[in-house]
Amino acid sequence: MLHVLTDADLRTAGNRFARALDAAGVDERGAVALIAGNVPEFLAVYRGTQWSGRRLTPMSTRWSAAEVDYVVESCEADVLVAEARYADVVADAATHIAPDRRFAFGGAIAGFRDWSEVEAFPGDPLPHPVAGNHMMYTSGTTGRPKGVLRPGVEGPPPGRLGQAGTEMLQWCLGADANGPHLVCTPLYHAAPITYADGAALLGAPLVLLERFEPEAVLAAIEEHGIASTFMVPTQFVRLLRLPESVRARYDVSSLRLVVHGAAPVAPDIKRAMIDWFGPVLFEFYGGTEGGGLMITSEEWLAHPGAVGRPRNELVVDILDDAGAPVPTGTPGQVWFGGYTRFTYKDDPEKTEETWRDDRFTLGDIGYLDDDGYLYLCDRRADVIISGGVNIYPAQIEAVLLAHPAVADCCVVGVPDDEWGESVRAVVQPTTDTTADTTADAQADTALGDATLADATLADTTLADALLAHCRAGLPAHLVPRAVDLDPALPRTETGKLARRVIRDRYWQDRPRRI
């Protein structure tokens, strides 16, 4: 479904929600947790919090009930807002919130107030608007979400995200910054909401797609004269897979800016998109914590593989493990400077290891060329980013290690032109894989249709059995695409699993990068 919204629409809807919060007795600096898809109500909650001094935490629609429960409690939410399709996911989290501070839309949720109660409030301007704040959650190798908390904007709105969005669009588009903006990527991510809010504040109508469908995106671009949008590389792949006859059917010449980031992009895919859309692709590198590297299409064509160079007052340092600068062209850890200091909520140890004086790191490894462009060699130690979504090897490895045929395992991201990275499990089998079906049943391994009944188990049979085991114990997007067997996984001198050595087997012929 497609929605067209103006800034006036967002202000009216946001003002209504802000007044609903006032009526529920929510403090000016109260916290609101939200789980919803790309629907107008998402933007109403966003605007309502950001113009009334509240703090918003949007939650991923891919999270489990346990993750939502954890985040609602961790962010100290005073209010919970949910789209009805996520009723089961929010059931446990709702117990932390008073009934009069739970709101549902898109249908009823037991124990939640209906959105019609919000819409009954007046939408005229707030008498004393105050800039709100946000606390996005990111995750590390453990898979447990971490709140990134930074100081808010003091004074009138817009808040930090809105300001960043307007500044970026004006920098890229100048006088064209108020052209129609297409939203086709989940708004719960920082980048899509930043650009959407920035565009609306500049007077651009927002064309909101509830879900990404390649031909629907092209139709929206042509019909609404879209000037700007944000995408992830997986969406590029799906667009390029459309038949040439379908691609040629739509006029995309209105596009002036296609921002992308959040996941790896294959060079051939990026070149094909530039050939099709024109030199309007604009890549950024950073994370929820921050990051300020950007690169235009023209720059990228001159420096293929680079993720950008810092702008304005931002700086990038490449340091060795001792914190000393490394020479140009030499890989080291990437550190950013020139940012307002953030903290990880309730995790001072993680905050401390992330900062070094006035610099912070996302844990990525890269190098600078002579012109100051950054090239990434590796990403954070373990996290796999597939289609812009963080996947945590530890969770998958725990399931694999519960299988009696697995002595050890390592889950890594491998190159995938559509998803950037896909999940691959490398398994060291136990020395005795001849256990019969009775022994396996005693271990309660839940293999589904697969068995270990063969006296001499072929590699392909074991791999299939392990994949079935994963399907029984993991969400679909965490199940490895394939399982490879290794008789002895490599380890360091200290006995730790040499994850990078294993990962490098799959990345020998192409650089691993964001």
Protein backbone atom coordinates (compact mmCIF):
# COMPACT_ATOMS: atom_id res chain seq x y z
CA MET A 1 0.00 0.00 0.00
CA LEU A 2 1.16 3.55 -0.75
CA HIS A 3 0.54 6.70 1.30
CA VAL A 4 1.32 10.32 0.38
CA LEU A 5 1.92 12.61 3.36
CA THR A 6 2.85 16.26 3.67
CA ASP A 7 4.66 18.01 6.48
CA ALA A 8 1.32 19.53 7.50
CA ASP A 9 -0.13 16.01 7.79
CA LEU A 10 2.75 14.96 10.03
CA ARG A 11 2.47 18.04 12.23
CA THR A 12 -1.27 17.55 12.75
CA ALA A 13 -0.95 13.84 13.52
CA GLY A 14 2.09 14.44 15.72
CA ASN A 15 0.36 17.17 17.70
CA ARG A 16 -2.54 14.82 18.41
CA PHE A 17 -0.23 12.15 19.74
CA ALA A 18 1.69 14.67 21.85
CA ARG A 19 -1.58 15.80 23.43
CA ALA A 20 -2.55 12.17 24.08
CA LEU A 21 0.73 11.78 25.97
CA ASP A 22 -0.01 14.95 27.94
CA ALA A 23 -3.46 13.64 28.85
CA ALA A 24 -1.93 10.34 30.01
CA GLY A 25 0.37 12.25 32.37
CA VAL A 26 3.59 11.40 30.52
CA ASP A 27 6.43 13.71 31.55
CA GLU A 28 7.91 16.08 28.98
CA ARG A 29 11.06 13.92 28.88
CA GLY A 30 9.16 10.63 29.02
CA ALA A 31 10.16 7.68 26.85
CA VAL A 32 8.05 6.05 24.13
CA ALA A 33 8.73 2.62 22.59
CA LEU A 34 7.24 1.91 19.17
CA ILE A 35 6.94 -1.16 16.95
CA ALA A 36 5.31 -0.67 13.56
CA GLY A 37 5.84 -1.01 9.85
CA ASN A 38 5.97 1.78 7.28
CA VAL A 39 2.58 3.28 8.04
CA PRO A 40 1.45 6.88 8.68
CA GLU A 41 0.99 6.22 12.40
CA PHE A 42 4.73 5.52 12.73
CA LEU A 43 5.44 9.06 11.56
CA ALA A 44 2.73 10.46 13.83
CA VAL A 45 4.42 8.90 16.86
CA TYR A 46 7.81 10.06 15.65
CA ARG A 47 6.68 13.67 15.17
CA GLY A 48 4.65 13.69 18.35
CA THR A 49 7.65 12.73 20.45
CA GLN A 50 10.15 14.89 18.61
CA TRP A 51 8.05 18.05 18.97
CA SER A 52 7.02 17.56 22.60
CA GLY A 53 10.38 16.81 24.25
CA ARG A 54 9.88 13.03 24.55
CA ARG A 55 12.41 10.33 23.73
CA LEU A 56 11.52 7.74 21.10
CA THR A 57 12.85 4.20 20.75
CA PRO A 58 11.64 2.53 17.54
CA MET A 59 11.97 -1.26 17.59
CA SER A 60 12.70 -3.66 14.76
CA THR A 61 9.71 -5.57 13.45
CA ARG A 62 12.05 -8.56 13.12
CA TRP A 63 12.74 -8.76 16.85
CA SER A 64 11.45 -11.63 18.95
CA ALA A 65 9.10 -11.14 21.88
CA ALA A 66 12.07 -11.56 24.25
CA GLU A 67 14.05 -8.82 22.49
CA VAL A 68 11.09 -6.43 22.48
CA ASP A 69 10.48 -7.15 26.16
CA TYR A 70 14.13 -6.45 26.95
CA VAL A 71 14.23 -3.16 25.00
CA VAL A 72 10.98 -1.81 26.42
CA GLU A 73 12.36 -2.36 29.92
CA SER A 74 15.89 -1.21 29.04
CA CYS A 75 14.81 2.08 27.45
CA GLU A 76 12.64 2.78 30.52
CA ALA A 77 9.59 3.24 28.35
CA ASP A 78 6.66 5.11 29.84
CA VAL A 79 4.54 4.42 26.76
CA LEU A 80 4.23 1.50 24.33
CA VAL A 81 2.76 1.95 20.85
CA ALA A 82 2.21 -1.07 18.60
CA GLU A 83 0.74 -1.92 15.26
CA ALA A 84 -1.82 -4.69 15.73
CA ARG A 85 0.03 -7.18 13.54
CA TYR A 86 2.70 -7.33 16.29
CA ALA A 87 0.25 -8.06 19.11
CA ASP A 88 1.89 -11.37 20.02
CA VAL A 89 5.38 -9.84 20.03
CA VAL A 90 4.43 -7.07 22.50
CA ALA A 91 2.37 -9.18 24.89
CA ASP A 92 5.13 -9.64 27.48
CA ALA A 93 6.52 -6.11 27.06
CA ALA A 94 3.08 -4.61 27.70
CA THR A 95 3.19 -5.82 31.29
CA HIS A 96 5.80 -3.14 32.03
CA ILE A 97 3.48 -0.33 30.88
CA ALA A 98 0.36 1.09 32.52
CA PRO A 99 -2.80 0.26 30.49
CA ASP A 100 -3.66 3.91 29.85
CA ARG A 101 -0.22 4.36 28.25
CA ARG A 102 -0.52 1.59 25.68
CA PHE A 103 -1.76 2.53 22.23
CA ALA A 104 -2.60 0.27 19.27
CA PHE A 105 -3.46 0.98 15.66
CA GLY A 106 -4.23 -1.08 12.57
CA GLY A 107 -6.57 -3.22 14.67
CA ALA A 108 -7.23 -4.00 18.31
CA ILE A 109 -4.76 -5.33 20.87
CA ALA A 110 -6.20 -6.52 24.17
CA GLY A 111 -5.27 -4.12 26.97
CA PHE A 112 -4.28 -1.29 24.56
CA ARG A 113 -6.13 1.94 23.85
CA ASP A 114 -7.45 2.27 20.32
CA TRP A 115 -5.79 4.83 18.05
CA SER A 116 -9.15 6.57 17.59
CA GLU A 117 -8.62 7.99 21.08
CA VAL A 118 -5.44 9.68 19.84
CA GLU A 119 -7.17 11.03 16.74
CA ALA A 120 -9.85 12.63 18.92
CA PHE A 121 -7.34 15.17 20.25
CA PRO A 122 -6.91 18.51 18.42
CA GLY A 123 -4.11 18.70 15.88
CA ASP A 124 -3.51 22.45 15.99
CA PRO A 125 0.04 23.69 16.80
CA LEU A 126 1.47 22.94 20.22
CA PRO A 127 1.79 26.11 22.33
CA HIS A 128 5.38 25.39 23.42
CA PRO A 129 7.05 22.81 21.15
CA VAL A 130 10.26 21.30 22.53
CA ALA A 131 12.79 19.22 20.61
CA GLY A 132 12.62 15.56 21.52
CA ASN A 133 15.32 12.91 21.43
CA HIS A 134 15.72 9.33 20.26
CA MET A 135 17.53 6.26 21.52
CA MET A 136 18.10 3.70 18.80
CA TYR A 137 19.24 0.20 19.69
CA THR A 138 22.12 -1.45 17.95
CA SER A 139 23.65 -4.85 18.66
CA GLY A 140 27.08 -6.38 19.04
CA THR A 141 28.41 -9.88 18.67
CA THR A 142 26.33 -11.19 21.54
CA GLY A 143 23.12 -10.26 19.74
CA ARG A 144 21.74 -8.37 22.73
CA PRO A 145 20.51 -4.91 21.65
CA LYS A 146 22.33 -1.90 23.11
CA GLY A 147 20.81 1.55 23.47
CA VAL A 148 22.86 4.37 21.97
CA LEU A 149 22.19 7.43 24.08
CA ARG A 150 23.43 10.91 23.19
CA PRO A 151 22.48 14.38 24.40
CA GLY A 152 19.38 15.83 22.79
CA VAL A 153 18.89 19.22 21.17
CA GLU A 154 18.11 21.98 23.65
CA GLY A 155 15.34 24.32 22.57
CA PRO A 156 12.69 24.19 19.87
CA PRO A 157 12.36 21.39 17.31
CA PRO A 158 13.43 19.77 15.09
CA GLY A 159 15.56 17.31 16.99
CA ARG A 160 18.89 15.79 16.05
CA LEU A 161 17.58 13.42 13.36
CA GLY A 162 15.46 16.03 11.63
CA GLN A 163 18.32 18.50 11.61
CA ALA A 164 20.70 15.92 10.17
CA GLY A 165 18.22 14.97 7.45
CA THR A 166 17.61 18.54 6.30
CA GLU A 167 21.31 19.35 6.29
CA MET A 168 22.18 16.27 4.25
CA LEU A 169 19.45 16.82 1.68
CA GLN A 170 20.32 20.47 1.30
CA TRP A 171 24.01 19.60 0.94
CA CYS A 172 23.26 17.03 -1.75
CA LEU A 173 20.36 18.67 -3.60
CA GLY A 174 20.45 22.38 -2.94
CA ALA A 175 17.34 23.98 -4.44
CA ASP A 176 15.90 20.54 -5.27
CA ALA A 177 15.84 19.43 -1.62
CA ASN A 178 12.05 19.84 -1.41
CA GLY A 179 11.33 17.34 -4.19
CA PRO A 180 9.14 14.29 -3.41
CA HIS A 181 10.87 11.73 -1.19
CA LEU A 182 10.20 7.98 -1.43
CA VAL A 183 10.27 5.87 1.76
CA CYS A 184 10.73 2.21 0.81
CA THR A 185 13.02 0.99 3.63
CA PRO A 186 11.92 0.27 7.24
CA LEU A 187 11.49 3.48 9.21
CA TYR A 188 12.72 1.87 12.44
CA HIS A 189 16.27 2.19 11.09
CA ALA A 190 18.05 5.49 11.74
CA ALA A 191 18.82 6.42 8.12
CA PRO A 192 15.33 6.06 6.58
CA ILE A 193 13.63 8.09 9.31
CA THR A 194 16.39 10.72 9.22
CA TYR A 195 15.97 11.35 5.50
CA ALA A 196 12.18 11.09 5.62
CA ASP A 197 11.89 13.65 8.41
CA GLY A 198 14.47 15.92 6.80
CA ALA A 199 12.63 15.85 3.48
CA ALA A 200 9.27 16.60 5.07
CA LEU A 201 10.72 19.50 7.07
CA LEU A 202 12.00 20.96 3.79
CA GLY A 203 8.50 20.80 2.33
CA ALA A 204 8.86 17.59 0.35
CA PRO A 205 5.84 15.29 0.15
CA LEU A 206 6.59 11.80 1.48
CA VAL A 207 5.56 8.83 -0.62
CA LEU A 208 5.43 5.96 1.86
CA LEU A 209 5.51 2.34 0.65
CA GLU A 210 4.48 -0.18 3.29
CA ARG A 211 6.69 -2.84 1.71
CA PHE A 212 9.39 -2.94 -0.93
CA GLU A 213 8.24 -4.35 -4.25
CA PRO A 214 10.61 -3.58 -7.15
CA GLU A 215 8.08 -2.66 -9.81
CA ALA A 216 5.98 -0.70 -7.31
CA VAL A 217 9.08 1.37 -6.49
CA LEU A 218 9.63 2.21 -10.17
CA ALA A 219 5.95 3.05 -10.60
CA ALA A 220 6.08 5.38 -7.57
CA ILE A 221 9.20 7.11 -8.88
CA GLU A 222 7.53 7.83 -12.21
CA GLU A 223 4.05 8.70 -10.93
CA HIS A 224 5.20 11.01 -8.13
CA GLY A 225 8.33 12.45 -9.72
CA ILE A 226 10.49 11.18 -6.86
CA ALA A 227 13.60 13.30 -6.31
CA SER A 228 15.21 11.44 -3.41
CA THR A 229 15.10 8.14 -1.56
CA PHE A 230 17.11 5.86 0.71
CA MET A 231 17.78 2.22 -0.19
CA VAL A 232 19.93 -0.72 0.83
CA PRO A 233 21.93 -2.79 -1.69
CA THR A 234 19.56 -5.77 -1.51
CA GLN A 235 16.92 -3.51 -3.04
CA PHE A 236 19.32 -2.63 -5.86
CA VAL A 237 19.69 -6.32 -6.66
CA ARG A 238 15.95 -6.86 -6.78
CA LEU A 239 15.45 -3.85 -9.03
CA LEU A 240 18.15 -5.06 -11.41
CA ARG A 241 16.57 -8.51 -11.58
CA LEU A 242 13.44 -7.09 -13.16
CA PRO A 243 13.18 -7.96 -16.88
CA GLU A 244 14.63 -5.27 -19.11
CA SER A 245 11.19 -4.75 -20.63
CA VAL A 246 9.79 -3.89 -17.19
CA ARG A 247 12.68 -1.61 -16.27
CA ALA A 248 12.34 0.27 -19.56
CA ARG A 249 8.64 0.84 -18.92
CA TYR A 250 9.26 3.43 -16.19
CA ASP A 251 10.80 6.89 -16.29
CA VAL A 252 13.21 7.38 -13.38
CA SER A 253 14.75 10.61 -14.67
CA SER A 254 13.26 12.62 -11.80
CA LEU A 255 15.72 11.02 -9.35
CA ARG A 256 18.38 13.39 -8.05
CA LEU A 257 19.57 11.45 -5.00
CA VAL A 258 19.58 7.76 -4.01
CA VAL A 259 21.31 7.44 -0.65
CA HIS A 260 22.53 3.99 0.31
CA GLY A 261 24.46 2.39 3.15
CA ALA A 262 23.99 -0.09 6.01
CA ALA A 263 25.21 -3.15 4.07
CA PRO A 264 27.86 -4.28 1.58
CA VAL A 265 27.29 -3.58 -2.10
CA ALA A 266 28.95 -5.53 -4.90
CA PRO A 267 30.88 -3.18 -7.24
CA ASP A 268 29.16 -4.59 -10.32
CA ILE A 269 25.76 -3.94 -8.74
CA LYS A 270 26.66 -0.35 -7.92
CA ARG A 271 27.99 0.30 -11.42
CA ALA A 272 24.82 -1.15 -12.94
CA MET A 273 22.66 1.12 -10.78
CA ILE A 274 24.69 4.18 -11.75
CA ASP A 275 24.37 3.20 -15.41
CA TRP A 276 20.58 2.93 -14.97
CA PHE A 277 19.66 5.74 -12.54
CA GLY A 278 22.54 8.04 -13.43
CA PRO A 279 25.26 9.39 -11.12
CA VAL A 280 22.75 9.99 -8.31
CA LEU A 281 23.93 7.29 -5.89
CA PHE A 282 25.38 8.67 -2.67
CA GLU A 283 26.94 6.22 -0.21
CA PHE A 284 27.60 6.76 3.47
CA TYR A 285 29.51 4.75 6.03
CA GLY A 286 28.67 4.78 9.71
CA GLY A 287 26.48 3.17 12.31
CA THR A 288 23.76 3.97 14.82
CA GLU A 289 26.56 5.43 16.96
CA GLY A 290 27.64 7.82 14.19
CA GLY A 291 30.08 8.08 11.33
CA GLY A 292 30.47 10.73 8.71
CA LEU A 293 32.06 9.28 5.59
CA MET A 294 30.29 9.94 2.31
CA ILE A 295 31.02 9.41 -1.36
CA THR A 296 29.25 10.57 -4.52
CA SER A 297 28.85 8.48 -7.65
CA GLU A 298 31.55 10.45 -9.43
CA GLU A 299 33.96 10.02 -6.53
CA TRP A 300 33.22 6.31 -6.28
CA LEU A 301 33.85 5.77 -9.99
CA ALA A 302 37.24 7.43 -9.51
CA HIS A 303 37.90 5.47 -6.27
CA PRO A 304 36.01 2.17 -6.74
CA GLY A 305 35.54 0.28 -3.52
CA ALA A 306 35.93 3.31 -1.25
CA VAL A 307 33.19 4.12 1.25
CA GLY A 308 33.96 7.83 1.37
CA ARG A 309 35.95 10.42 3.22
CA PRO A 310 34.97 12.63 6.17
CA ARG A 311 33.18 15.92 5.64
CA ASN A 312 33.16 19.20 7.51
CA GLU A 313 34.74 18.99 10.97
CA LEU A 314 34.73 15.18 11.16
CA VAL A 315 37.98 13.25 11.14
CA VAL A 316 39.02 9.62 10.63
CA ASP A 317 42.14 8.06 12.11
CA ILE A 318 43.53 4.61 11.30
CA LEU A 319 45.31 3.27 14.37
CA ASP A 320 47.15 0.09 15.27
CA ASP A 321 46.37 -1.97 18.37
CA ALA A 322 48.58 0.30 20.48
CA GLY A 323 46.68 3.40 19.35
CA ALA A 324 49.43 4.73 17.07
CA PRO A 325 48.64 6.03 13.56
CA VAL A 326 49.50 3.69 10.67
CA PRO A 327 50.88 4.80 7.28
CA THR A 328 48.60 5.54 4.34
CA GLY A 329 47.51 2.32 2.69
CA THR A 330 48.09 0.24 5.83
CA PRO A 331 45.06 -1.42 7.45
CA GLY A 332 44.20 -0.58 11.04
CA GLN A 333 41.20 0.10 13.23
CA VAL A 334 38.96 2.97 12.09
CA TRP A 335 38.37 5.71 14.65
CA PHE A 336 36.06 8.72 14.26
CA GLY A 337 36.50 12.18 15.78
CA GLY A 338 34.42 15.33 15.87
CA TYR A 339 31.23 13.77 17.29
CA THR A 340 29.14 14.47 20.35
CA ARG A 341 29.96 11.79 22.87
CA PHE A 342 27.41 8.98 23.19
CA THR A 343 27.08 6.21 25.75
CA TYR A 344 25.70 2.69 25.60
CA LYS A 345 22.85 2.68 28.08
CA ASP A 346 23.66 0.69 31.22
CA ASP A 347 26.91 -0.58 29.70
CA PRO A 348 29.82 1.60 30.92
CA GLU A 349 32.35 -1.10 30.01
CA LYS A 350 31.26 -1.16 26.38
CA THR A 351 31.17 2.64 26.31
CA GLU A 352 34.71 2.83 27.69
CA GLU A 353 36.18 0.39 25.17
CA THR A 354 34.46 2.20 22.29
CA TRP A 355 35.97 5.60 23.11
CA ARG A 356 39.61 6.65 23.18
CA ASP A 357 39.86 10.26 24.34
CA ASP A 358 37.61 12.12 21.85
CA ARG A 359 37.55 9.31 19.26
CA PHE A 360 35.20 6.36 18.95
CA THR A 361 35.27 3.19 16.88
CA LEU A 362 32.73 0.81 15.38
CA GLY A 363 35.41 -1.86 15.45
CA ASP A 364 35.98 -1.95 11.69
CA ILE A 365 39.33 -2.41 9.98
CA GLY A 366 40.28 -0.26 7.00
CA TYR A 367 42.86 1.96 5.38
CA LEU A 368 43.05 5.40 3.78
CA ASP A 369 44.41 6.16 0.32
CA ASP A 370 46.47 9.21 -0.62
CA ASP A 371 43.31 11.25 -1.22
CA GLY A 372 41.85 10.47 2.20
CA TYR A 373 39.24 7.94 1.03
CA LEU A 374 38.51 5.03 3.34
CA TYR A 375 38.49 1.41 2.20
CA LEU A 376 37.19 -1.23 4.58
CA CYS A 377 38.96 -4.56 4.90
CA ASP A 378 36.81 -6.17 7.56
CA ARG A 379 33.96 -5.33 9.83
CA ARG A 380 33.28 -5.75 13.48
CA ALA A 381 34.69 -8.97 14.78
CA ASP A 382 31.74 -11.29 14.33
CA VAL A 383 28.57 -9.56 13.19
CA ILE A 384 27.16 -10.60 9.83
CA ILE A 385 25.16 -7.92 8.02
CA SER A 386 22.76 -9.50 5.55
CA GLY A 387 20.40 -7.17 3.72
CA GLY A 388 21.10 -4.46 6.30
CA VAL A 389 20.11 -6.72 9.22
CA ASN A 390 22.57 -7.69 11.95
CA ILE A 391 22.93 -11.46 12.41
CA TYR A 392 24.80 -12.81 15.39
CA PRO A 393 26.90 -15.95 14.97
CA ALA A 394 26.80 -16.78 18.68
CA GLN A 395 23.08 -17.49 18.57
CA ILE A 396 23.43 -19.81 15.58
CA GLU A 397 26.54 -21.49 16.95
CA ALA A 398 24.75 -22.27 20.22
CA VAL A 399 22.08 -24.20 18.32
CA LEU A 400 24.66 -26.08 16.23
CA LEU A 401 26.73 -27.02 19.26
CA ALA A 402 23.67 -28.68 20.81
CA HIS A 403 23.85 -31.30 18.05
CA PRO A 404 25.81 -34.44 19.06
CA ALA A 405 27.60 -34.62 15.70
CA VAL A 406 29.15 -31.15 16.18
CA ALA A 407 32.44 -30.91 18.03
CA ASP A 408 32.99 -27.25 17.18
CA CYS A 409 31.63 -24.69 14.74
CA CYS A 410 32.12 -21.22 13.35
CA VAL A 411 29.43 -19.16 11.63
CA VAL A 412 30.62 -16.47 9.23
CA GLY A 413 29.28 -14.15 6.57
CA VAL A 414 30.21 -15.01 2.99
CA PRO A 415 29.88 -12.90 -0.18
CA ASP A 416 26.37 -12.66 -1.57
CA ASP A 417 25.57 -10.29 -4.43
CA GLU A 418 21.94 -9.88 -3.34
CA TRP A 419 22.25 -9.71 0.45
CA GLY A 420 25.81 -8.42 0.75
CA GLU A 421 26.59 -11.32 3.06
CA SER A 422 24.85 -14.62 3.70
CA VAL A 423 25.25 -17.00 6.63
CA ARG A 424 27.61 -19.98 6.28
CA ALA A 425 28.33 -22.52 9.03
CA VAL A 426 31.70 -24.26 9.18
CA VAL A 427 31.45 -27.35 11.36
CA GLN A 428 34.06 -29.65 12.88
CA PRO A 429 32.28 -33.01 13.29
CA THR A 430 32.78 -35.23 16.28
CA THR A 431 35.25 -38.06 15.69
CA ASP A 432 32.41 -40.59 15.83
CA THR A 433 29.56 -39.78 13.47
CA THR A 434 28.36 -43.37 13.36
CA ALA A 435 25.86 -43.04 16.17
CA ASP A 436 22.63 -44.75 15.31
CA THR A 437 19.15 -43.32 15.33
CA THR A 438 18.53 -44.57 18.88
CA ALA A 439 21.49 -42.64 20.27
CA ASP A 440 20.42 -39.52 18.40
CA ALA A 441 16.90 -39.81 19.74
CA GLN A 442 18.26 -40.04 23.25
CA ALA A 443 20.05 -36.76 22.63
CA ASP A 444 16.74 -35.18 21.53
CA THR A 445 18.33 -33.29 18.67
CA ALA A 446 15.12 -32.54 16.77
CA LEU A 447 16.49 -33.31 13.33
CA GLY A 448 13.08 -33.28 11.68
CA ASP A 449 13.11 -35.41 8.54
CA ALA A 450 16.88 -35.89 8.60
CA THR A 451 18.58 -38.76 10.47
CA LEU A 452 22.05 -39.98 11.32
CA ALA A 453 21.10 -43.60 10.75
CA ASP A 454 23.76 -44.41 8.17
CA ALA A 455 26.75 -46.26 9.59
CA THR A 456 29.08 -44.18 7.42
CA LEU A 457 27.55 -40.76 7.20
CA ALA A 458 28.31 -38.83 3.99
CA ASP A 459 29.25 -35.18 4.28
CA THR A 460 26.17 -34.10 2.38
CA THR A 461 23.92 -36.08 4.72
CA LEU A 462 25.46 -34.52 7.81
CA ALA A 463 25.19 -31.04 6.29
CA ASP A 464 21.52 -31.61 5.48
CA ALA A 465 20.90 -32.94 8.97
CA LEU A 466 22.52 -29.88 10.54
CA LEU A 467 20.48 -27.53 8.37
CA ALA A 468 17.30 -29.33 9.45
CA HIS A 469 18.46 -29.02 13.05
CA CYS A 470 18.90 -25.25 12.58
CA ARG A 471 15.51 -24.90 10.94
CA ALA A 472 13.97 -26.55 14.00
CA GLY A 473 15.70 -24.19 16.43
CA LEU A 474 16.13 -20.83 14.69
CA PRO A 475 14.09 -18.18 12.88
CA ALA A 476 14.26 -18.61 9.10
CA HIS A 477 16.56 -15.62 8.50
CA LEU A 478 19.19 -17.08 10.89
CA VAL A 479 19.36 -20.53 9.29
CA PRO A 480 22.69 -20.91 7.41
CA ARG A 481 22.46 -21.08 3.63
CA ALA A 482 25.00 -23.91 3.69
CA VAL A 483 27.15 -26.02 6.03
CA ASP A 484 30.79 -26.82 5.26
CA LEU A 485 32.71 -29.49 7.16
CA ASP A 486 36.25 -29.04 8.47
CA PRO A 487 38.04 -31.85 10.34
CA ALA A 488 39.91 -29.35 12.55
CA LEU A 489 38.91 -25.71 12.88
CA PRO A 490 41.94 -23.41 13.15
CA ARG A 491 42.75 -21.85 16.49
CA THR A 492 45.14 -19.20 17.74
CA GLU A 493 48.09 -19.91 20.03
CA THR A 494 45.90 -19.08 22.99
CA GLY A 495 43.28 -21.61 21.91
CA LYS A 496 40.68 -19.14 20.60
CA LEU A 497 38.81 -19.96 17.41
CA ALA A 498 40.56 -18.24 14.48
CA ARG A 499 37.34 -16.80 13.07
CA ARG A 500 39.08 -14.42 10.69
CA VAL A 501 41.11 -17.25 9.14
CA ILE A 502 37.91 -19.17 8.47
CA ARG A 503 36.12 -16.12 7.13
CA ASP A 504 38.99 -15.20 4.84
CA ARG A 505 38.59 -18.48 2.94
CA TYR A 506 35.42 -17.08 1.44
CA TRP A 507 36.68 -13.55 0.80
CA GLN A 508 39.98 -14.25 -0.95
CA ASP A 509 38.86 -12.98 -4.34
CA ARG A 510 36.92 -9.92 -3.23
CA PRO A 511 37.32 -7.38 -0.43
CA ARG A 512 34.94 -7.69 2.47
CA ARG A 513 33.44 -4.25 2.99
CA ILE A 514 30.36 -2.31 4.03
